PDB file of N, CA and C in Angstrom:
ATOM      1  N   UNK A   1      26.174 -34.367  12.750  1.00  0.00           N
ATOM      2  CA  UNK A   1      26.008 -34.873  11.398  1.00  0.00           C
ATOM      3  C   UNK A   1      24.817 -34.222  10.713  1.00  0.00           C
ATOM      4  N   UNK A   2      23.794 -33.827  11.456  1.00  0.00           N
ATOM      5  CA  UNK A   2      22.592 -33.254  10.874  1.00  0.00           C
ATOM      6  C   UNK A   2      22.804 -31.875  10.294  1.00  0.00           C
ATOM      7  N   UNK A   3      23.622 -31.065  10.967  1.00  0.00           N
ATOM      8  CA  UNK A   3      23.846 -29.704  10.460  1.00  0.00           C
ATOM      9  C   UNK A   3      24.658 -29.728   9.171  1.00  0.00           C
ATOM     10  N   UNK A   4      25.574 -30.626   9.022  1.00  0.00           N
ATOM     11  CA  UNK A   4      26.365 -30.730   7.792  1.00  0.00           C
ATOM     12  C   UNK A   4      25.472 -31.188   6.646  1.00  0.00           C
ATOM     13  N   UNK A   5      24.611 -32.132   6.906  1.00  0.00           N
ATOM     14  CA  UNK A   5      23.726 -32.655   5.869  1.00  0.00           C
ATOM     15  C   UNK A   5      22.715 -31.588   5.438  1.00  0.00           C
ATOM     16  N   UNK A   6      22.201 -30.811   6.374  1.00  0.00           N
ATOM     17  CA  UNK A   6      21.205 -29.803   6.028  1.00  0.00           C
ATOM     18  C   UNK A   6      21.826 -28.594   5.335  1.00  0.00           C
ATOM     19  N   UNK A   7      23.075 -28.303   5.574  1.00  0.00           N
ATOM     20  CA  UNK A   7      23.740 -27.144   4.971  1.00  0.00           C
ATOM     21  C   UNK A   7      24.597 -27.506   3.764  1.00  0.00           C
ATOM     22  N   UNK A   8      24.602 -28.766   3.347  1.00  0.00           N
ATOM     23  CA  UNK A   8      25.473 -29.190   2.257  1.00  0.00           C
ATOM     24  C   UNK A   8      25.171 -28.447   0.960  1.00  0.00           C
ATOM     25  N   UNK A   9      23.888 -28.317   0.579  1.00  0.00           N
ATOM     26  CA  UNK A   9      23.560 -27.653  -0.683  1.00  0.00           C
ATOM     27  C   UNK A   9      23.927 -26.165  -0.633  1.00  0.00           C
ATOM     28  N   UNK A  10      23.756 -25.532   0.516  1.00  0.00           N
ATOM     29  CA  UNK A  10      24.141 -24.124   0.652  1.00  0.00           C
ATOM     30  C   UNK A  10      25.645 -23.955   0.506  1.00  0.00           C
ATOM     31  N   UNK A  11      26.412 -24.798   1.164  1.00  0.00           N
ATOM     32  CA  UNK A  11      27.874 -24.722   1.095  1.00  0.00           C
ATOM     33  C   UNK A  11      28.356 -25.035  -0.310  1.00  0.00           C
ATOM     34  N   UNK A  12      27.790 -26.060  -0.930  1.00  0.00           N
ATOM     35  CA  UNK A  12      28.195 -26.419  -2.295  1.00  0.00           C
ATOM     36  C   UNK A  12      27.862 -25.291  -3.272  1.00  0.00           C
ATOM     37  N   UNK A  13      26.714 -24.662  -3.121  1.00  0.00           N
ATOM     38  CA  UNK A  13      26.345 -23.545  -3.989  1.00  0.00           C
ATOM     39  C   UNK A  13      27.244 -22.344  -3.801  1.00  0.00           C
ATOM     40  N   UNK A  14      27.617 -22.070  -2.563  1.00  0.00           N
ATOM     41  CA  UNK A  14      28.509 -20.954  -2.282  1.00  0.00           C
ATOM     42  C   UNK A  14      29.880 -21.176  -2.897  1.00  0.00           C
ATOM     43  N   UNK A  15      30.406 -22.351  -2.718  1.00  0.00           N
ATOM     44  CA  UNK A  15      31.729 -22.676  -3.284  1.00  0.00           C
ATOM     45  C   UNK A  15      31.686 -22.626  -4.807  1.00  0.00           C
ATOM     46  N   UNK A  16      30.637 -23.166  -5.397  1.00  0.00           N
ATOM     47  CA  UNK A  16      30.509 -23.130  -6.851  1.00  0.00           C
ATOM     48  C   UNK A  16      30.381 -21.697  -7.353  1.00  0.00           C
ATOM     49  N   UNK A  17      29.596 -20.868  -6.661  1.00  0.00           N
ATOM     50  CA  UNK A  17      29.446 -19.470  -7.048  1.00  0.00           C
ATOM     51  C   UNK A  17      30.745 -18.700  -6.977  1.00  0.00           C
ATOM     52  N   UNK A  18      31.523 -18.947  -5.941  1.00  0.00           N
ATOM     53  CA  UNK A  18      32.827 -18.284  -5.811  1.00  0.00           C
ATOM     54  C   UNK A  18      33.751 -18.698  -6.947  1.00  0.00           C
ATOM     55  N   UNK A  19      33.779 -19.980  -7.268  1.00  0.00           N
ATOM     56  CA  UNK A  19      34.623 -20.478  -8.348  1.00  0.00           C
ATOM     57  C   UNK A  19      34.231 -19.853  -9.686  1.00  0.00           C
ATOM     58  N   UNK A  20      32.926 -19.839  -9.977  1.00  0.00           N
ATOM     59  CA  UNK A  20      32.455 -19.297 -11.251  1.00  0.00           C
ATOM     60  C   UNK A  20      32.738 -17.796 -11.338  1.00  0.00           C
ATOM     61  N   UNK A  21      32.527 -17.060 -10.249  1.00  0.00           N
ATOM     62  CA  UNK A  21      32.753 -15.617 -10.259  1.00  0.00           C
ATOM     63  C   UNK A  21      34.221 -15.269 -10.483  1.00  0.00           C
ATOM     64  N   UNK A  22      35.112 -16.109  -9.996  1.00  0.00           N
ATOM     65  CA  UNK A  22      36.537 -15.823 -10.141  1.00  0.00           C
ATOM     66  C   UNK A  22      37.098 -16.247 -11.487  1.00  0.00           C
ATOM     67  N   UNK A  23      36.509 -17.264 -12.113  1.00  0.00           N
ATOM     68  CA  UNK A  23      37.104 -17.828 -13.316  1.00  0.00           C
ATOM     69  C   UNK A  23      36.368 -17.516 -14.608  1.00  0.00           C
ATOM     70  N   UNK A  24      35.173 -16.938 -14.539  1.00  0.00           N
ATOM     71  CA  UNK A  24      34.403 -16.634 -15.734  1.00  0.00           C
ATOM     72  C   UNK A  24      33.923 -15.196 -15.664  1.00  0.00           C
ATOM     73  N   UNK A  25      33.600 -14.640 -16.828  1.00  0.00           N
ATOM     74  CA  UNK A  25      33.104 -13.272 -16.893  1.00  0.00           C
ATOM     75  C   UNK A  25      31.599 -13.296 -16.634  1.00  0.00           C
ATOM     76  N   UNK A  26      31.216 -13.016 -15.404  1.00  0.00           N
ATOM     77  CA  UNK A  26      29.824 -13.044 -14.989  1.00  0.00           C
ATOM     78  C   UNK A  26      29.308 -11.606 -14.982  1.00  0.00           C
ATOM     79  N   UNK A  27      28.140 -11.343 -15.606  1.00  0.00           N
ATOM     80  CA  UNK A  27      27.636  -9.973 -15.630  1.00  0.00           C
ATOM     81  C   UNK A  27      27.210  -9.503 -14.244  1.00  0.00           C
ATOM     82  N   UNK A  28      27.272  -8.194 -14.049  1.00  0.00           N
ATOM     83  CA  UNK A  28      26.846  -7.591 -12.803  1.00  0.00           C
ATOM     84  C   UNK A  28      25.318  -7.546 -12.798  1.00  0.00           C
ATOM     85  N   UNK A  29      24.696  -8.350 -11.958  1.00  0.00           N
ATOM     86  CA  UNK A  29      23.249  -8.481 -11.942  1.00  0.00           C
ATOM     87  C   UNK A  29      22.577  -7.166 -11.545  1.00  0.00           C
ATOM     88  N   UNK A  30      23.165  -6.417 -10.639  1.00  0.00           N
ATOM     89  CA  UNK A  30      22.573  -5.146 -10.217  1.00  0.00           C
ATOM     90  C   UNK A  30      22.501  -4.169 -11.392  1.00  0.00           C
ATOM     91  N   UNK A  31      23.547  -4.121 -12.208  1.00  0.00           N
ATOM     92  CA  UNK A  31      23.555  -3.226 -13.358  1.00  0.00           C
ATOM     93  C   UNK A  31      22.527  -3.668 -14.395  1.00  0.00           C
ATOM     94  N   UNK A  32      22.403  -4.962 -14.613  1.00  0.00           N
ATOM     95  CA  UNK A  32      21.418  -5.482 -15.560  1.00  0.00           C
ATOM     96  C   UNK A  32      20.000  -5.170 -15.075  1.00  0.00           C
ATOM     97  N   UNK A  33      19.741  -5.330 -13.782  1.00  0.00           N
ATOM     98  CA  UNK A  33      18.418  -5.048 -13.227  1.00  0.00           C
ATOM     99  C   UNK A  33      18.098  -3.558 -13.324  1.00  0.00           C
ATOM    100  N   UNK A  34      19.066  -2.697 -13.040  1.00  0.00           N
ATOM    101  CA  UNK A  34      18.841  -1.256 -13.153  1.00  0.00           C
ATOM    102  C   UNK A  34      18.511  -0.862 -14.590  1.00  0.00           C
ATOM    103  N   UNK A  35      19.216  -1.439 -15.549  1.00  0.00           N
ATOM    104  CA  UNK A  35      18.942  -1.164 -16.952  1.00  0.00           C
ATOM    105  C   UNK A  35      17.538  -1.620 -17.330  1.00  0.00           C
ATOM    106  N   UNK A  36      17.142  -2.793 -16.861  1.00  0.00           N
ATOM    107  CA  UNK A  36      15.806  -3.311 -17.158  1.00  0.00           C
ATOM    108  C   UNK A  36      14.728  -2.392 -16.594  1.00  0.00           C
ATOM    109  N   UNK A  37      14.867  -1.968 -15.334  1.00  0.00           N
ATOM    110  CA  UNK A  37      13.863  -1.105 -14.728  1.00  0.00           C
ATOM    111  C   UNK A  37      13.817   0.269 -15.400  1.00  0.00           C
ATOM    112  N   UNK A  38      14.965   0.780 -15.837  1.00  0.00           N
ATOM    113  CA  UNK A  38      15.009   2.052 -16.549  1.00  0.00           C
ATOM    114  C   UNK A  38      14.258   1.948 -17.869  1.00  0.00           C
ATOM    115  N   UNK A  39      14.499   0.872 -18.622  1.00  0.00           N
ATOM    116  CA  UNK A  39      13.808   0.684 -19.894  1.00  0.00           C
ATOM    117  C   UNK A  39      12.311   0.471 -19.684  1.00  0.00           C
ATOM    118  N   UNK A  40      11.927  -0.239 -18.617  1.00  0.00           N
ATOM    119  CA  UNK A  40      10.509  -0.444 -18.315  1.00  0.00           C
ATOM    120  C   UNK A  40       9.836   0.882 -17.976  1.00  0.00           C
ATOM    121  N   UNK A  41      10.532   1.749 -17.251  1.00  0.00           N
ATOM    122  CA  UNK A  41       9.988   3.056 -16.890  1.00  0.00           C
ATOM    123  C   UNK A  41       9.769   3.906 -18.136  1.00  0.00           C
ATOM    124  N   UNK A  42      10.731   3.906 -19.041  1.00  0.00           N
ATOM    125  CA  UNK A  42      10.602   4.675 -20.275  1.00  0.00           C
ATOM    126  C   UNK A  42       9.441   4.138 -21.119  1.00  0.00           C
ATOM    127  N   UNK A  43       9.324   2.828 -21.214  1.00  0.00           N
ATOM    128  CA  UNK A  43       8.239   2.224 -21.982  1.00  0.00           C
ATOM    129  C   UNK A  43       6.882   2.564 -21.370  1.00  0.00           C
ATOM    130  N   UNK A  44       6.789   2.518 -20.062  1.00  0.00           N
ATOM    131  CA  UNK A  44       5.532   2.851 -19.395  1.00  0.00           C
ATOM    132  C   UNK A  44       5.153   4.307 -19.642  1.00  0.00           C
ATOM    133  N   UNK A  45       6.106   5.213 -19.533  1.00  0.00           N
ATOM    134  CA  UNK A  45       5.824   6.625 -19.753  1.00  0.00           C
ATOM    135  C   UNK A  45       5.428   6.900 -21.201  1.00  0.00           C
ATOM    136  N   UNK A  46       5.995   6.146 -22.137  1.00  0.00           N
ATOM    137  CA  UNK A  46       5.691   6.345 -23.546  1.00  0.00           C
ATOM    138  C   UNK A  46       4.275   5.896 -23.880  1.00  0.00           C
ATOM    139  N   UNK A  47       3.851   4.765 -23.378  1.00  0.00           N
ATOM    140  CA  UNK A  47       2.573   4.172 -23.763  1.00  0.00           C
ATOM    141  C   UNK A  47       1.466   4.338 -22.718  1.00  0.00           C
ATOM    142  N   UNK A  48       1.671   5.163 -21.726  1.00  0.00           N
ATOM    143  CA  UNK A  48       0.659   5.378 -20.695  1.00  0.00           C
ATOM    144  C   UNK A  48      -0.505   6.179 -21.272  1.00  0.00           C
ATOM    145  N   UNK A  49      -1.726   5.794 -20.883  1.00  0.00           N
ATOM    146  CA  UNK A  49      -2.907   6.540 -21.314  1.00  0.00           C
ATOM    147  C   UNK A  49      -2.920   7.889 -20.604  1.00  0.00           C
ATOM    148  N   UNK A  50      -3.454   8.899 -21.273  1.00  0.00           N
ATOM    149  CA  UNK A  50      -3.545  10.194 -20.606  1.00  0.00           C
ATOM    150  C   UNK A  50      -4.549  10.113 -19.454  1.00  0.00           C
ATOM    151  N   UNK A  51      -4.344  10.917 -18.434  1.00  0.00           N
ATOM    152  CA  UNK A  51      -5.259  10.857 -17.293  1.00  0.00           C
ATOM    153  C   UNK A  51      -6.662  11.304 -17.675  1.00  0.00           C
ATOM    154  N   UNK A  52      -7.633  10.707 -17.042  1.00  0.00           N
ATOM    155  CA  UNK A  52      -9.043  10.999 -17.334  1.00  0.00           C
ATOM    156  C   UNK A  52      -9.505  12.095 -16.375  1.00  0.00           C
ATOM    157  N   UNK A  53      -9.432  13.343 -16.819  1.00  0.00           N
ATOM    158  CA  UNK A  53      -9.805  14.484 -15.993  1.00  0.00           C
ATOM    159  C   UNK A  53     -11.195  14.979 -16.412  1.00  0.00           C
ATOM    160  N   UNK A  54     -12.205  14.561 -15.698  1.00  0.00           N
ATOM    161  CA  UNK A  54     -13.567  14.983 -16.006  1.00  0.00           C
ATOM    162  C   UNK A  54     -13.828  16.397 -15.513  1.00  0.00           C
ATOM    163  N   UNK A  55     -13.055  16.873 -14.561  1.00  0.00           N
ATOM    164  CA  UNK A  55     -13.237  18.197 -14.006  1.00  0.00           C
ATOM    165  C   UNK A  55     -12.818  19.296 -14.981  1.00  0.00           C
ATOM    166  N   UNK A  56     -11.987  19.001 -15.956  1.00  0.00           N
ATOM    167  CA  UNK A  56     -11.504  20.004 -16.899  1.00  0.00           C
ATOM    168  C   UNK A  56     -12.604  20.495 -17.829  1.00  0.00           C
ATOM    169  N   UNK A  57     -13.608  19.684 -18.114  1.00  0.00           N
ATOM    170  CA  UNK A  57     -14.657  20.043 -19.041  1.00  0.00           C
ATOM    171  C   UNK A  57     -15.658  21.017 -18.441  1.00  0.00           C
ATOM    172  N   UNK A  58     -15.784  21.074 -17.143  1.00  0.00           N
ATOM    173  CA  UNK A  58     -16.793  21.910 -16.495  1.00  0.00           C
ATOM    174  C   UNK A  58     -16.371  23.330 -16.328  1.00  0.00           C
TER     175      UNK A  58
END
């Protein structure tokens, strides 16, 4: 009885996730994350300060 009680929320979440994925248009999280990281990389490269090279002046 203890293992069923401790795993109930995991099982219920899995079943609910399967139902939602099959019956609704759920976005691909991996693709959304890749797009976010790509845009963050572009933003960082655009607004990054230039490197401080003190050796160039000598």
